[in-house]
């Protein structure tokens, strides 16, 4: 479901309006890129490349990136490290999977399922 906020007063954007819009966007970002480790990603670099390709696909398609991808930072206090993760919409989560390395078995299965689903509809 897509939610839209409309500035009915036409007086420009206010901080409250921006915060409300941000809250709506954050509500839809229920997935973490780091959860894709369970799907067979081999390295942080591989996951980062898939996220970057998915974001590029959104930009090229006119889809607002900020509505589907939000960087978050996770700290490991024992190791004194900070790592970047991403909060993702369901759309972005699947798009990242589709943009993983071609040799990834899950990518192949997802591509086949998408084509089969598409063929059923035409």
PDB file of N, CA and C in Angstrom:
ATOM      1  N   UNK A   1       0.845  -1.178   0.000  1.00  0.00           N
ATOM      2  CA  UNK A   1       0.000   0.000   0.000  1.00  0.00           C
ATOM      3  C   UNK A   1       0.889   1.238   0.000  1.00  0.00           C
ATOM      4  N   UNK A   2       0.557   2.190  -0.806  1.00  0.00           N
ATOM      5  CA  UNK A   2       1.309   3.431  -0.887  1.00  0.00           C
ATOM      6  C   UNK A   2       0.532   4.523  -0.172  1.00  0.00           C
ATOM      7  N   UNK A   3       1.235   5.281   0.661  1.00  0.00           N
ATOM      8  CA  UNK A   3       0.623   6.403   1.370  1.00  0.00           C
ATOM      9  C   UNK A   3       1.198   7.691   0.814  1.00  0.00           C
ATOM     10  N   UNK A   4       0.364   8.683   0.705  1.00  0.00           N
ATOM     11  CA  UNK A   4       0.805   9.977   0.205  1.00  0.00           C
ATOM     12  C   UNK A   4       0.404  11.059   1.191  1.00  0.00           C
ATOM     13  N   UNK A   5       1.287  12.019   1.380  1.00  0.00           N
ATOM     14  CA  UNK A   5       0.979  13.203   2.166  1.00  0.00           C
ATOM     15  C   UNK A   5       0.862  14.371   1.209  1.00  0.00           C
ATOM     16  N   UNK A   6      -0.157  15.160   1.386  1.00  0.00           N
ATOM     17  CA  UNK A   6      -0.376  16.303   0.512  1.00  0.00           C
ATOM     18  C   UNK A   6      -0.383  17.563   1.360  1.00  0.00           C
ATOM     19  N   UNK A   7       0.385  18.547   0.945  1.00  0.00           N
ATOM     20  CA  UNK A   7       0.432  19.838   1.626  1.00  0.00           C
ATOM     21  C   UNK A   7      -0.783  20.639   1.170  1.00  0.00           C
ATOM     22  N   UNK A   8      -1.876  20.566   1.946  1.00  0.00           N
ATOM     23  CA  UNK A   8      -3.131  21.193   1.519  1.00  0.00           C
ATOM     24  C   UNK A   8      -3.129  22.712   1.692  1.00  0.00           C
ATOM     25  N   UNK A   9      -2.187  23.230   2.486  1.00  0.00           N
ATOM     26  CA  UNK A   9      -2.174  24.664   2.702  1.00  0.00           C
ATOM     27  C   UNK A   9      -1.344  25.389   1.660  1.00  0.00           C
ATOM     28  N   UNK A  10      -0.498  24.685   0.956  1.00  0.00           N
ATOM     29  CA  UNK A  10       0.284  25.306  -0.100  1.00  0.00           C
ATOM     30  C   UNK A  10       1.278  26.340   0.390  1.00  0.00           C
ATOM     31  N   UNK A  11       1.561  26.342   1.664  1.00  0.00           N
ATOM     32  CA  UNK A  11       2.461  27.344   2.233  1.00  0.00           C
ATOM     33  C   UNK A  11       3.893  26.844   2.279  1.00  0.00           C
ATOM     34  N   UNK A  12       4.178  25.803   1.574  1.00  0.00           N
ATOM     35  CA  UNK A  12       5.525  25.248   1.635  1.00  0.00           C
ATOM     36  C   UNK A  12       5.607  24.174   2.700  1.00  0.00           C
ATOM     37  N   UNK A  13       6.739  23.561   2.767  1.00  0.00           N
ATOM     38  CA  UNK A  13       6.910  22.452   3.683  1.00  0.00           C
ATOM     39  C   UNK A  13       7.338  22.958   5.057  1.00  0.00           C
ATOM     40  N   UNK A  14       6.806  22.332   6.066  1.00  0.00           N
ATOM     41  CA  UNK A  14       7.205  22.661   7.428  1.00  0.00           C
ATOM     42  C   UNK A  14       7.977  21.485   8.007  1.00  0.00           C
ATOM     43  N   UNK A  15       8.662  21.713   9.101  1.00  0.00           N
ATOM     44  CA  UNK A  15       9.413  20.647   9.762  1.00  0.00           C
ATOM     45  C   UNK A  15       8.484  19.526  10.217  1.00  0.00           C
ATOM     46  N   UNK A  16       7.318  19.879  10.720  1.00  0.00           N
ATOM     47  CA  UNK A  16       6.349  18.883  11.177  1.00  0.00           C
ATOM     48  C   UNK A  16       5.894  18.013  10.001  1.00  0.00           C
ATOM     49  N   UNK A  17       5.619  18.648   8.889  1.00  0.00           N
ATOM     50  CA  UNK A  17       5.211  17.916   7.688  1.00  0.00           C
ATOM     51  C   UNK A  17       6.318  16.955   7.255  1.00  0.00           C
ATOM     52  N   UNK A  18       7.561  17.436   7.262  1.00  0.00           N
ATOM     53  CA  UNK A  18       8.704  16.596   6.880  1.00  0.00           C
ATOM     54  C   UNK A  18       8.857  15.407   7.825  1.00  0.00           C
ATOM     55  N   UNK A  19       8.690  15.646   9.107  1.00  0.00           N
ATOM     56  CA  UNK A  19       8.816  14.560  10.091  1.00  0.00           C
ATOM     57  C   UNK A  19       7.700  13.536   9.927  1.00  0.00           C
ATOM     58  N   UNK A  20       6.504  13.994   9.636  1.00  0.00           N
ATOM     59  CA  UNK A  20       5.383  13.082   9.413  1.00  0.00           C
ATOM     60  C   UNK A  20       5.617  12.245   8.159  1.00  0.00           C
ATOM     61  N   UNK A  21       6.103  12.876   7.115  1.00  0.00           N
ATOM     62  CA  UNK A  21       6.419  12.150   5.890  1.00  0.00           C
ATOM     63  C   UNK A  21       7.503  11.100   6.151  1.00  0.00           C
ATOM     64  N   UNK A  22       8.521  11.482   6.889  1.00  0.00           N
ATOM     65  CA  UNK A  22       9.602  10.554   7.231  1.00  0.00           C
ATOM     66  C   UNK A  22       9.069   9.369   8.035  1.00  0.00           C
ATOM     67  N   UNK A  23       8.140   9.613   8.945  1.00  0.00           N
ATOM     68  CA  UNK A  23       7.546   8.532   9.741  1.00  0.00           C
ATOM     69  C   UNK A  23       6.778   7.554   8.847  1.00  0.00           C
ATOM     70  N   UNK A  24       6.041   8.065   7.864  1.00  0.00           N
ATOM     71  CA  UNK A  24       5.331   7.193   6.922  1.00  0.00           C
ATOM     72  C   UNK A  24       6.307   6.333   6.122  1.00  0.00           C
ATOM     73  N   UNK A  25       7.387   6.953   5.673  1.00  0.00           N
ATOM     74  CA  UNK A  25       8.391   6.213   4.895  1.00  0.00           C
ATOM     75  C   UNK A  25       9.041   5.147   5.763  1.00  0.00           C
ATOM     76  N   UNK A  26       9.452   5.513   6.986  1.00  0.00           N
ATOM     77  CA  UNK A  26      10.115   4.558   7.873  1.00  0.00           C
ATOM     78  C   UNK A  26       9.236   3.369   8.205  1.00  0.00           C
ATOM     79  N   UNK A  27       7.946   3.596   8.263  1.00  0.00           N
ATOM     80  CA  UNK A  27       7.001   2.522   8.575  1.00  0.00           C
ATOM     81  C   UNK A  27       7.059   1.413   7.522  1.00  0.00           C
ATOM     82  N   UNK A  28       7.353   1.763   6.295  1.00  0.00           N
ATOM     83  CA  UNK A  28       7.383   0.787   5.203  1.00  0.00           C
ATOM     84  C   UNK A  28       8.738   0.091   5.066  1.00  0.00           C
ATOM     85  N   UNK A  29       9.733   0.541   5.822  1.00  0.00           N
ATOM     86  CA  UNK A  29      11.079  -0.018   5.696  1.00  0.00           C
ATOM     87  C   UNK A  29      11.297  -1.110   6.743  1.00  0.00           C
ATOM     88  N   UNK A  30      10.596  -2.217   6.572  1.00  0.00           N
ATOM     89  CA  UNK A  30      10.587  -3.280   7.575  1.00  0.00           C
ATOM     90  C   UNK A  30      11.597  -4.390   7.360  1.00  0.00           C
ATOM     91  N   UNK A  31      12.486  -4.237   6.417  1.00  0.00           N
ATOM     92  CA  UNK A  31      13.468  -5.283   6.116  1.00  0.00           C
ATOM     93  C   UNK A  31      14.871  -4.714   6.281  1.00  0.00           C
ATOM     94  N   UNK A  32      15.816  -5.566   6.621  1.00  0.00           N
ATOM     95  CA  UNK A  32      17.217  -5.159   6.752  1.00  0.00           C
ATOM     96  C   UNK A  32      18.048  -5.874   5.700  1.00  0.00           C
ATOM     97  N   UNK A  33      18.957  -5.139   5.085  1.00  0.00           N
ATOM     98  CA  UNK A  33      19.852  -5.752   4.106  1.00  0.00           C
ATOM     99  C   UNK A  33      20.693  -6.839   4.766  1.00  0.00           C
ATOM    100  N   UNK A  34      21.072  -6.648   6.014  1.00  0.00           N
ATOM    101  CA  UNK A  34      21.901  -7.641   6.710  1.00  0.00           C
ATOM    102  C   UNK A  34      21.188  -8.984   6.853  1.00  0.00           C
ATOM    103  N   UNK A  35      19.870  -8.992   6.790  1.00  0.00           N
ATOM    104  CA  UNK A  35      19.135 -10.262   6.850  1.00  0.00           C
ATOM    105  C   UNK A  35      19.387 -11.113   5.609  1.00  0.00           C
ATOM    106  N   UNK A  36      19.922 -10.499   4.576  1.00  0.00           N
ATOM    107  CA  UNK A  36      20.220 -11.245   3.351  1.00  0.00           C
ATOM    108  C   UNK A  36      21.428 -12.158   3.512  1.00  0.00           C
ATOM    109  N   UNK A  37      22.171 -12.016   4.613  1.00  0.00           N
ATOM    110  CA  UNK A  37      23.271 -12.955   4.875  1.00  0.00           C
ATOM    111  C   UNK A  37      22.733 -14.372   4.924  1.00  0.00           C
ATOM    112  N   UNK A  38      21.521 -14.525   5.435  1.00  0.00           N
ATOM    113  CA  UNK A  38      20.892 -15.850   5.512  1.00  0.00           C
ATOM    114  C   UNK A  38      20.537 -16.393   4.131  1.00  0.00           C
ATOM    115  N   UNK A  39      20.554 -15.552   3.136  1.00  0.00           N
ATOM    116  CA  UNK A  39      20.205 -15.962   1.771  1.00  0.00           C
ATOM    117  C   UNK A  39      21.433 -16.312   0.941  1.00  0.00           C
ATOM    118  N   UNK A  40      22.614 -16.308   1.543  1.00  0.00           N
ATOM    119  CA  UNK A  40      23.788 -16.799   0.848  1.00  0.00           C
ATOM    120  C   UNK A  40      24.763 -15.771   0.318  1.00  0.00           C
ATOM    121  N   UNK A  41      24.647 -14.514   0.721  1.00  0.00           N
ATOM    122  CA  UNK A  41      25.652 -13.532   0.313  1.00  0.00           C
ATOM    123  C   UNK A  41      26.977 -13.901   0.960  1.00  0.00           C
ATOM    124  N   UNK A  42      28.056 -13.754   0.215  1.00  0.00           N
ATOM    125  CA  UNK A  42      29.360 -14.224   0.668  1.00  0.00           C
ATOM    126  C   UNK A  42      30.216 -13.159   1.357  1.00  0.00           C
ATOM    127  N   UNK A  43      29.979 -11.898   1.064  1.00  0.00           N
ATOM    128  CA  UNK A  43      30.830 -10.855   1.641  1.00  0.00           C
ATOM    129  C   UNK A  43      30.037  -9.553   1.747  1.00  0.00           C
ATOM    130  N   UNK A  44      30.498  -8.643   2.620  1.00  0.00           N
ATOM    131  CA  UNK A  44      29.851  -7.332   2.711  1.00  0.00           C
ATOM    132  C   UNK A  44      29.917  -6.574   1.380  1.00  0.00           C
ATOM    133  N   UNK A  45      31.006  -6.772   0.648  1.00  0.00           N
ATOM    134  CA  UNK A  45      31.159  -6.093  -0.640  1.00  0.00           C
ATOM    135  C   UNK A  45      30.111  -6.573  -1.639  1.00  0.00           C
ATOM    136  N   UNK A  46      29.845  -7.880  -1.641  1.00  0.00           N
ATOM    137  CA  UNK A  46      28.832  -8.437  -2.547  1.00  0.00           C
ATOM    138  C   UNK A  46      27.464  -7.843  -2.236  1.00  0.00           C
ATOM    139  N   UNK A  47      27.136  -7.756  -0.954  1.00  0.00           N
ATOM    140  CA  UNK A  47      25.855  -7.172  -0.553  1.00  0.00           C
ATOM    141  C   UNK A  47      25.807  -5.684  -0.906  1.00  0.00           C
ATOM    142  N   UNK A  48      26.898  -4.965  -0.681  1.00  0.00           N
ATOM    143  CA  UNK A  48      26.951  -3.530  -1.014  1.00  0.00           C
ATOM    144  C   UNK A  48      26.760  -3.297  -2.508  1.00  0.00           C
ATOM    145  N   UNK A  49      27.372  -4.149  -3.331  1.00  0.00           N
ATOM    146  CA  UNK A  49      27.200  -4.008  -4.787  1.00  0.00           C
ATOM    147  C   UNK A  49      25.748  -4.242  -5.190  1.00  0.00           C
ATOM    148  N   UNK A  50      25.100  -5.230  -4.577  1.00  0.00           N
ATOM    149  CA  UNK A  50      23.697  -5.519  -4.900  1.00  0.00           C
ATOM    150  C   UNK A  50      22.792  -4.355  -4.482  1.00  0.00           C
ATOM    151  N   UNK A  51      23.052  -3.773  -3.315  1.00  0.00           N
ATOM    152  CA  UNK A  51      22.271  -2.613  -2.857  1.00  0.00           C
ATOM    153  C   UNK A  51      22.483  -1.440  -3.809  1.00  0.00           C
ATOM    154  N   UNK A  52      23.724  -1.186  -4.200  1.00  0.00           N
ATOM    155  CA  UNK A  52      24.021  -0.067  -5.116  1.00  0.00           C
ATOM    156  C   UNK A  52      23.330  -0.269  -6.461  1.00  0.00           C
ATOM    157  N   UNK A  53      23.353  -1.496  -6.988  1.00  0.00           N
ATOM    158  CA  UNK A  53      22.676  -1.761  -8.273  1.00  0.00           C
ATOM    159  C   UNK A  53      21.168  -1.587  -8.138  1.00  0.00           C
ATOM    160  N   UNK A  54      20.599  -2.028  -7.019  1.00  0.00           N
ATOM    161  CA  UNK A  54      19.154  -1.883  -6.797  1.00  0.00           C
ATOM    162  C   UNK A  54      18.771  -0.409  -6.706  1.00  0.00           C
ATOM    163  N   UNK A  55      19.584   0.387  -6.017  1.00  0.00           N
ATOM    164  CA  UNK A  55      19.308   1.823  -5.919  1.00  0.00           C
ATOM    165  C   UNK A  55      19.416   2.485  -7.292  1.00  0.00           C
ATOM    166  N   UNK A  56      20.401   2.084  -8.070  1.00  0.00           N
ATOM    167  CA  UNK A  56      20.562   2.622  -9.431  1.00  0.00           C
ATOM    168  C   UNK A  56      19.343   2.273 -10.282  1.00  0.00           C
ATOM    169  N   UNK A  57      18.839   1.041 -10.139  1.00  0.00           N
ATOM    170  CA  UNK A  57      17.649   0.633 -10.896  1.00  0.00           C
ATOM    171  C   UNK A  57      16.451   1.507 -10.523  1.00  0.00           C
ATOM    172  N   UNK A  58      16.320   1.836  -9.244  1.00  0.00           N
ATOM    173  CA  UNK A  58      15.225   2.723  -8.822  1.00  0.00           C
ATOM    174  C   UNK A  58      15.370   4.096  -9.455  1.00  0.00           C
ATOM    175  N   UNK A  59      16.561   4.673  -9.350  1.00  0.00           N
ATOM    176  CA  UNK A  59      16.778   6.019  -9.922  1.00  0.00           C
ATOM    177  C   UNK A  59      16.479   6.039 -11.411  1.00  0.00           C
ATOM    178  N   UNK A  60      16.950   5.036 -12.130  1.00  0.00           N
ATOM    179  CA  UNK A  60      16.733   4.986 -13.583  1.00  0.00           C
ATOM    180  C   UNK A  60      15.270   4.773 -13.942  1.00  0.00           C
ATOM    181  N   UNK A  61      14.514   4.210 -13.020  1.00  0.00           N
ATOM    182  CA  UNK A  61      13.095   3.953 -13.265  1.00  0.00           C
ATOM    183  C   UNK A  61      12.201   5.050 -12.708  1.00  0.00           C
ATOM    184  N   UNK A  62      12.794   6.079 -12.118  1.00  0.00           N
ATOM    185  CA  UNK A  62      12.011   7.178 -11.565  1.00  0.00           C
ATOM    186  C   UNK A  62      11.369   6.858 -10.226  1.00  0.00           C
ATOM    187  N   UNK A  63      11.859   5.847  -9.549  1.00  0.00           N
ATOM    188  CA  UNK A  63      11.324   5.462  -8.236  1.00  0.00           C
ATOM    189  C   UNK A  63      12.152   6.160  -7.162  1.00  0.00           C
ATOM    190  N   UNK A  64      11.514   6.876  -6.247  1.00  0.00           N
ATOM    191  CA  UNK A  64      12.258   7.602  -5.219  1.00  0.00           C
ATOM    192  C   UNK A  64      13.035   6.651  -4.297  1.00  0.00           C
ATOM    193  N   UNK A  65      14.344   6.753  -4.329  1.00  0.00           N
ATOM    194  CA  UNK A  65      15.209   5.872  -3.549  1.00  0.00           C
ATOM    195  C   UNK A  65      14.928   6.004  -2.060  1.00  0.00           C
ATOM    196  N   UNK A  66      14.739   7.225  -1.576  1.00  0.00           N
ATOM    197  CA  UNK A  66      14.566   7.434  -0.127  1.00  0.00           C
ATOM    198  C   UNK A  66      13.306   6.782   0.430  1.00  0.00           C
ATOM    199  N   UNK A  67      12.369   6.411  -0.438  1.00  0.00           N
ATOM    200  CA  UNK A  67      11.164   5.728   0.026  1.00  0.00           C
ATOM    201  C   UNK A  67      11.379   4.222   0.186  1.00  0.00           C
ATOM    202  N   UNK A  68      12.527   3.726  -0.258  1.00  0.00           N
ATOM    203  CA  UNK A  68      12.766   2.282  -0.225  1.00  0.00           C
ATOM    204  C   UNK A  68      14.084   1.886   0.437  1.00  0.00           C
ATOM    205  N   UNK A  69      15.021   2.819   0.588  1.00  0.00           N
ATOM    206  CA  UNK A  69      16.340   2.535   1.151  1.00  0.00           C
ATOM    207  C   UNK A  69      16.695   3.595   2.185  1.00  0.00           C
ATOM    208  N   UNK A  70      17.118   3.160   3.360  1.00  0.00           N
ATOM    209  CA  UNK A  70      17.577   4.121   4.369  1.00  0.00           C
ATOM    210  C   UNK A  70      18.813   3.541   5.053  1.00  0.00           C
ATOM    211  N   UNK A  71      19.932   4.264   4.980  1.00  0.00           N
ATOM    212  CA  UNK A  71      21.129   3.757   5.657  1.00  0.00           C
ATOM    213  C   UNK A  71      20.969   3.836   7.174  1.00  0.00           C
ATOM    214  N   UNK A  72      21.434   2.804   7.846  1.00  0.00           N
ATOM    215  CA  UNK A  72      21.473   2.777   9.309  1.00  0.00           C
ATOM    216  C   UNK A  72      22.854   2.272   9.706  1.00  0.00           C
ATOM    217  N   UNK A  73      23.275   2.610  10.888  1.00  0.00           N
ATOM    218  CA  UNK A  73      24.602   2.224  11.355  1.00  0.00           C
ATOM    219  C   UNK A  73      24.469   1.400  12.622  1.00  0.00           C
ATOM    220  N   UNK A  74      25.192   0.297  12.638  1.00  0.00           N
ATOM    221  CA  UNK A  74      25.138  -0.638  13.757  1.00  0.00           C
ATOM    222  C   UNK A  74      26.521  -0.683  14.387  1.00  0.00           C
ATOM    223  N   UNK A  75      26.554  -0.581  15.712  1.00  0.00           N
ATOM    224  CA  UNK A  75      27.855  -0.609  16.384  1.00  0.00           C
ATOM    225  C   UNK A  75      28.031  -1.922  17.142  1.00  0.00           C
ATOM    226  N   UNK A  76      29.252  -2.381  17.139  1.00  0.00           N
ATOM    227  CA  UNK A  76      29.653  -3.543  17.917  1.00  0.00           C
ATOM    228  C   UNK A  76      30.554  -3.008  19.015  1.00  0.00           C
ATOM    229  N   UNK A  77      30.007  -2.885  20.209  1.00  0.00           N
ATOM    230  CA  UNK A  77      30.745  -2.256  21.296  1.00  0.00           C
ATOM    231  C   UNK A  77      31.946  -3.083  21.737  1.00  0.00           C
ATOM    232  N   UNK A  78      31.850  -4.399  21.617  1.00  0.00           N
ATOM    233  CA  UNK A  78      32.973  -5.242  22.004  1.00  0.00           C
ATOM    234  C   UNK A  78      34.152  -5.072  21.053  1.00  0.00           C
ATOM    235  N   UNK A  79      33.865  -5.018  19.755  1.00  0.00           N
ATOM    236  CA  UNK A  79      34.913  -4.894  18.743  1.00  0.00           C
ATOM    237  C   UNK A  79      35.243  -3.436  18.420  1.00  0.00           C
ATOM    238  N   UNK A  80      34.435  -2.507  18.934  1.00  0.00           N
ATOM    239  CA  UNK A  80      34.593  -1.073  18.655  1.00  0.00           C
ATOM    240  C   UNK A  80      34.525  -0.798  17.156  1.00  0.00           C
ATOM    241  N   UNK A  81      33.539  -1.394  16.518  1.00  0.00           N
ATOM    242  CA  UNK A  81      33.343  -1.224  15.083  1.00  0.00           C
ATOM    243  C   UNK A  81      31.962  -0.656  14.810  1.00  0.00           C
ATOM    244  N   UNK A  82      31.859   0.061  13.711  1.00  0.00           N
ATOM    245  CA  UNK A  82      30.573   0.549  13.234  1.00  0.00           C
ATOM    246  C   UNK A  82      30.409   0.042  11.801  1.00  0.00           C
ATOM    247  N   UNK A  83      29.252  -0.527  11.523  1.00  0.00           N
ATOM    248  CA  UNK A  83      28.989  -1.052  10.185  1.00  0.00           C
ATOM    249  C   UNK A  83      27.703  -0.437   9.654  1.00  0.00           C
ATOM    250  N   UNK A  84      27.675  -0.251   8.344  1.00  0.00           N
ATOM    251  CA  UNK A  84      26.461   0.288   7.725  1.00  0.00           C
ATOM    252  C   UNK A  84      25.554  -0.863   7.319  1.00  0.00           C
ATOM    253  N   UNK A  85      24.289  -0.669   7.559  1.00  0.00           N
ATOM    254  CA  UNK A  85      23.251  -1.588   7.118  1.00  0.00           C
ATOM    255  C   UNK A  85      22.223  -0.735   6.396  1.00  0.00           C
ATOM    256  N   UNK A  86      21.194  -1.357   5.876  1.00  0.00           N
ATOM    257  CA  UNK A  86      20.134  -0.624   5.185  1.00  0.00           C
ATOM    258  C   UNK A  86      18.790  -1.113   5.670  1.00  0.00           C
ATOM    259  N   UNK A  87      17.892  -0.187   5.993  1.00  0.00           N
ATOM    260  CA  UNK A  87      16.485  -0.520   6.153  1.00  0.00           C
ATOM    261  C   UNK A  87      15.881  -0.477   4.763  1.00  0.00           C
ATOM    262  N   UNK A  88      15.120  -1.506   4.428  1.00  0.00           N
ATOM    263  CA  UNK A  88      14.583  -1.642   3.077  1.00  0.00           C
ATOM    264  C   UNK A  88      13.080  -1.858   3.100  1.00  0.00           C
ATOM    265  N   UNK A  89      12.415  -1.394   2.062  1.00  0.00           N
ATOM    266  CA  UNK A  89      11.021  -1.769   1.843  1.00  0.00           C
ATOM    267  C   UNK A  89      11.026  -3.195   1.280  1.00  0.00           C
ATOM    268  N   UNK A  90       9.876  -3.821   1.235  1.00  0.00           N
ATOM    269  CA  UNK A  90       9.785  -5.163   0.652  1.00  0.00           C
ATOM    270  C   UNK A  90      10.223  -5.125  -0.816  1.00  0.00           C
ATOM    271  N   UNK A  91       9.819  -4.077  -1.520  1.00  0.00           N
ATOM    272  CA  UNK A  91      10.215  -3.878  -2.911  1.00  0.00           C
ATOM    273  C   UNK A  91      11.737  -3.845  -3.022  1.00  0.00           C
ATOM    274  N   UNK A  92      12.395  -3.039  -2.183  1.00  0.00           N
ATOM    275  CA  UNK A  92      13.849  -2.905  -2.233  1.00  0.00           C
ATOM    276  C   UNK A  92      14.539  -4.212  -1.856  1.00  0.00           C
ATOM    277  N   UNK A  93      14.005  -4.920  -0.875  1.00  0.00           N
ATOM    278  CA  UNK A  93      14.580  -6.199  -0.448  1.00  0.00           C
ATOM    279  C   UNK A  93      14.640  -7.171  -1.626  1.00  0.00           C
ATOM    280  N   UNK A  94      13.535  -7.279  -2.353  1.00  0.00           N
ATOM    281  CA  UNK A  94      13.506  -8.170  -3.513  1.00  0.00           C
ATOM    282  C   UNK A  94      14.384  -7.645  -4.643  1.00  0.00           C
ATOM    283  N   UNK A  95      14.428  -6.341  -4.813  1.00  0.00           N
ATOM    284  CA  UNK A  95      15.269  -5.756  -5.855  1.00  0.00           C
ATOM    285  C   UNK A  95      16.756  -5.989  -5.561  1.00  0.00           C
ATOM    286  N   UNK A  96      17.137  -5.927  -4.286  1.00  0.00           N
ATOM    287  CA  UNK A  96      18.524  -6.238  -3.918  1.00  0.00           C
ATOM    288  C   UNK A  96      18.826  -7.696  -4.252  1.00  0.00           C
ATOM    289  N   UNK A  97      17.897  -8.592  -3.933  1.00  0.00           N
ATOM    290  CA  UNK A  97      18.103 -10.008  -4.280  1.00  0.00           C
ATOM    291  C   UNK A  97      18.275 -10.192  -5.778  1.00  0.00           C
ATOM    292  N   UNK A  98      17.451  -9.521  -6.560  1.00  0.00           N
ATOM    293  CA  UNK A  98      17.558  -9.635  -8.013  1.00  0.00           C
ATOM    294  C   UNK A  98      18.862  -9.065  -8.550  1.00  0.00           C
ATOM    295  N   UNK A  99      19.488  -8.174  -7.792  1.00  0.00           N
ATOM    296  CA  UNK A  99      20.722  -7.538  -8.236  1.00  0.00           C
ATOM    297  C   UNK A  99      21.972  -8.134  -7.602  1.00  0.00           C
ATOM    298  N   UNK A 100      21.811  -9.297  -6.989  1.00  0.00           N
ATOM    299  CA  UNK A 100      22.978 -10.014  -6.466  1.00  0.00           C
ATOM    300  C   UNK A 100      23.762 -10.593  -7.639  1.00  0.00           C
ATOM    301  N   UNK A 101      24.907 -11.169  -7.334  1.00  0.00           N
ATOM    302  CA  UNK A 101      25.735 -11.772  -8.381  1.00  0.00           C
ATOM    303  C   UNK A 101      24.931 -12.818  -9.139  1.00  0.00           C
ATOM    304  N   UNK A 102      25.120 -12.892 -10.429  1.00  0.00           N
ATOM    305  CA  UNK A 102      24.335 -13.799 -11.278  1.00  0.00           C
ATOM    306  C   UNK A 102      24.503 -15.261 -10.894  1.00  0.00           C
ATOM    307  N   UNK A 103      25.633 -15.607 -10.315  1.00  0.00           N
ATOM    308  CA  UNK A 103      25.891 -16.993  -9.949  1.00  0.00           C
ATOM    309  C   UNK A 103      25.137 -17.411  -8.692  1.00  0.00           C
ATOM    310  N   UNK A 104      24.569 -16.461  -7.987  1.00  0.00           N
ATOM    311  CA  UNK A 104      23.852 -16.743  -6.745  1.00  0.00           C
ATOM    312  C   UNK A 104      22.625 -17.590  -7.063  1.00  0.00           C
ATOM    313  N   UNK A 105      22.471 -18.770  -6.438  1.00  0.00           N
ATOM    314  CA  UNK A 105      21.347 -19.661  -6.770  1.00  0.00           C
ATOM    315  C   UNK A 105      19.973 -19.034  -6.531  1.00  0.00           C
ATOM    316  N   UNK A 106      19.864 -18.221  -5.498  1.00  0.00           N
ATOM    317  CA  UNK A 106      18.569 -17.596  -5.210  1.00  0.00           C
ATOM    318  C   UNK A 106      18.174 -16.620  -6.303  1.00  0.00           C
ATOM    319  N   UNK A 107      19.145 -15.947  -6.904  1.00  0.00           N
ATOM    320  CA  UNK A 107      18.868 -15.008  -7.997  1.00  0.00           C
ATOM    321  C   UNK A 107      18.248 -15.757  -9.163  1.00  0.00           C
ATOM    322  N   UNK A 108      18.824 -16.886  -9.511  1.00  0.00           N
ATOM    323  CA  UNK A 108      18.290 -17.682 -10.624  1.00  0.00           C
ATOM    324  C   UNK A 108      16.860 -18.116 -10.343  1.00  0.00           C
ATOM    325  N   UNK A 109      16.612 -18.613  -9.138  1.00  0.00           N
ATOM    326  CA  UNK A 109      15.249 -19.068  -8.797  1.00  0.00           C
ATOM    327  C   UNK A 109      14.258 -17.906  -8.826  1.00  0.00           C
ATOM    328  N   UNK A 110      14.672 -16.756  -8.309  1.00  0.00           N
ATOM    329  CA  UNK A 110      13.791 -15.585  -8.291  1.00  0.00           C
ATOM    330  C   UNK A 110      13.494 -15.101  -9.707  1.00  0.00           C
ATOM    331  N   UNK A 111      14.502 -15.098 -10.571  1.00  0.00           N
ATOM    332  CA  UNK A 111      14.289 -14.682 -11.957  1.00  0.00           C
ATOM    333  C   UNK A 111      13.290 -15.606 -12.649  1.00  0.00           C
ATOM    334  N   UNK A 112      13.434 -16.889 -12.458  1.00  0.00           N
ATOM    335  CA  UNK A 112      12.523 -17.856 -13.079  1.00  0.00           C
ATOM    336  C   UNK A 112      11.108 -17.668 -12.550  1.00  0.00           C
ATOM    337  N   UNK A 113      10.957 -17.476 -11.242  1.00  0.00           N
ATOM    338  CA  UNK A 113       9.616 -17.261 -10.669  1.00  0.00           C
ATOM    339  C   UNK A 113       8.971 -15.991 -11.218  1.00  0.00           C
ATOM    340  N   UNK A 114       9.749 -14.926 -11.358  1.00  0.00           N
ATOM    341  CA  UNK A 114       9.207 -13.673 -11.893  1.00  0.00           C
ATOM    342  C   UNK A 114       8.725 -13.851 -13.332  1.00  0.00           C
ATOM    343  N   UNK A 115       9.515 -14.535 -14.141  1.00  0.00           N
ATOM    344  CA  UNK A 115       9.129 -14.746 -15.539  1.00  0.00           C
ATOM    345  C   UNK A 115       7.895 -15.622 -15.614  1.00  0.00           C
ATOM    346  N   UNK A 116       7.851 -16.688 -14.826  1.00  0.00           N
ATOM    347  CA  UNK A 116       6.662 -17.561 -14.824  1.00  0.00           C
ATOM    348  C   UNK A 116       5.417 -16.782 -14.385  1.00  0.00           C
ATOM    349  N   UNK A 117       5.557 -15.967 -13.372  1.00  0.00           N
ATOM    350  CA  UNK A 117       4.429 -15.163 -12.891  1.00  0.00           C
ATOM    351  C   UNK A 117       3.973 -14.182 -13.976  1.00  0.00           C
ATOM    352  N   UNK A 118       4.915 -13.556 -14.635  1.00  0.00           N
ATOM    353  CA  UNK A 118       4.598 -12.617 -15.702  1.00  0.00           C
ATOM    354  C   UNK A 118       3.889 -13.319 -16.854  1.00  0.00           C
ATOM    355  N   UNK A 119       4.377 -14.500 -17.233  1.00  0.00           N
ATOM    356  CA  UNK A 119       3.785 -15.240 -18.357  1.00  0.00           C
ATOM    357  C   UNK A 119       2.353 -15.689 -18.060  1.00  0.00           C
ATOM    358  N   UNK A 120       2.046 -15.952 -16.789  1.00  0.00           N
ATOM    359  CA  UNK A 120       0.691 -16.342 -16.412  1.00  0.00           C
ATOM    360  C   UNK A 120      -0.303 -15.191 -16.606  1.00  0.00           C
ATOM    361  N   UNK A 121       0.219 -13.963 -16.492  1.00  0.00           N
ATOM    362  CA  UNK A 121      -0.653 -12.788 -16.578  1.00  0.00           C
ATOM    363  C   UNK A 121      -0.903 -12.308 -17.994  1.00  0.00           C
ATOM    364  N   UNK A 122      -0.123 -12.784 -18.979  1.00  0.00           N
ATOM    365  CA  UNK A 122      -0.351 -12.313 -20.350  1.00  0.00           C
ATOM    366  C   UNK A 122      -1.040 -13.370 -21.179  1.00  0.00           C
TER     367      UNK A 122
END
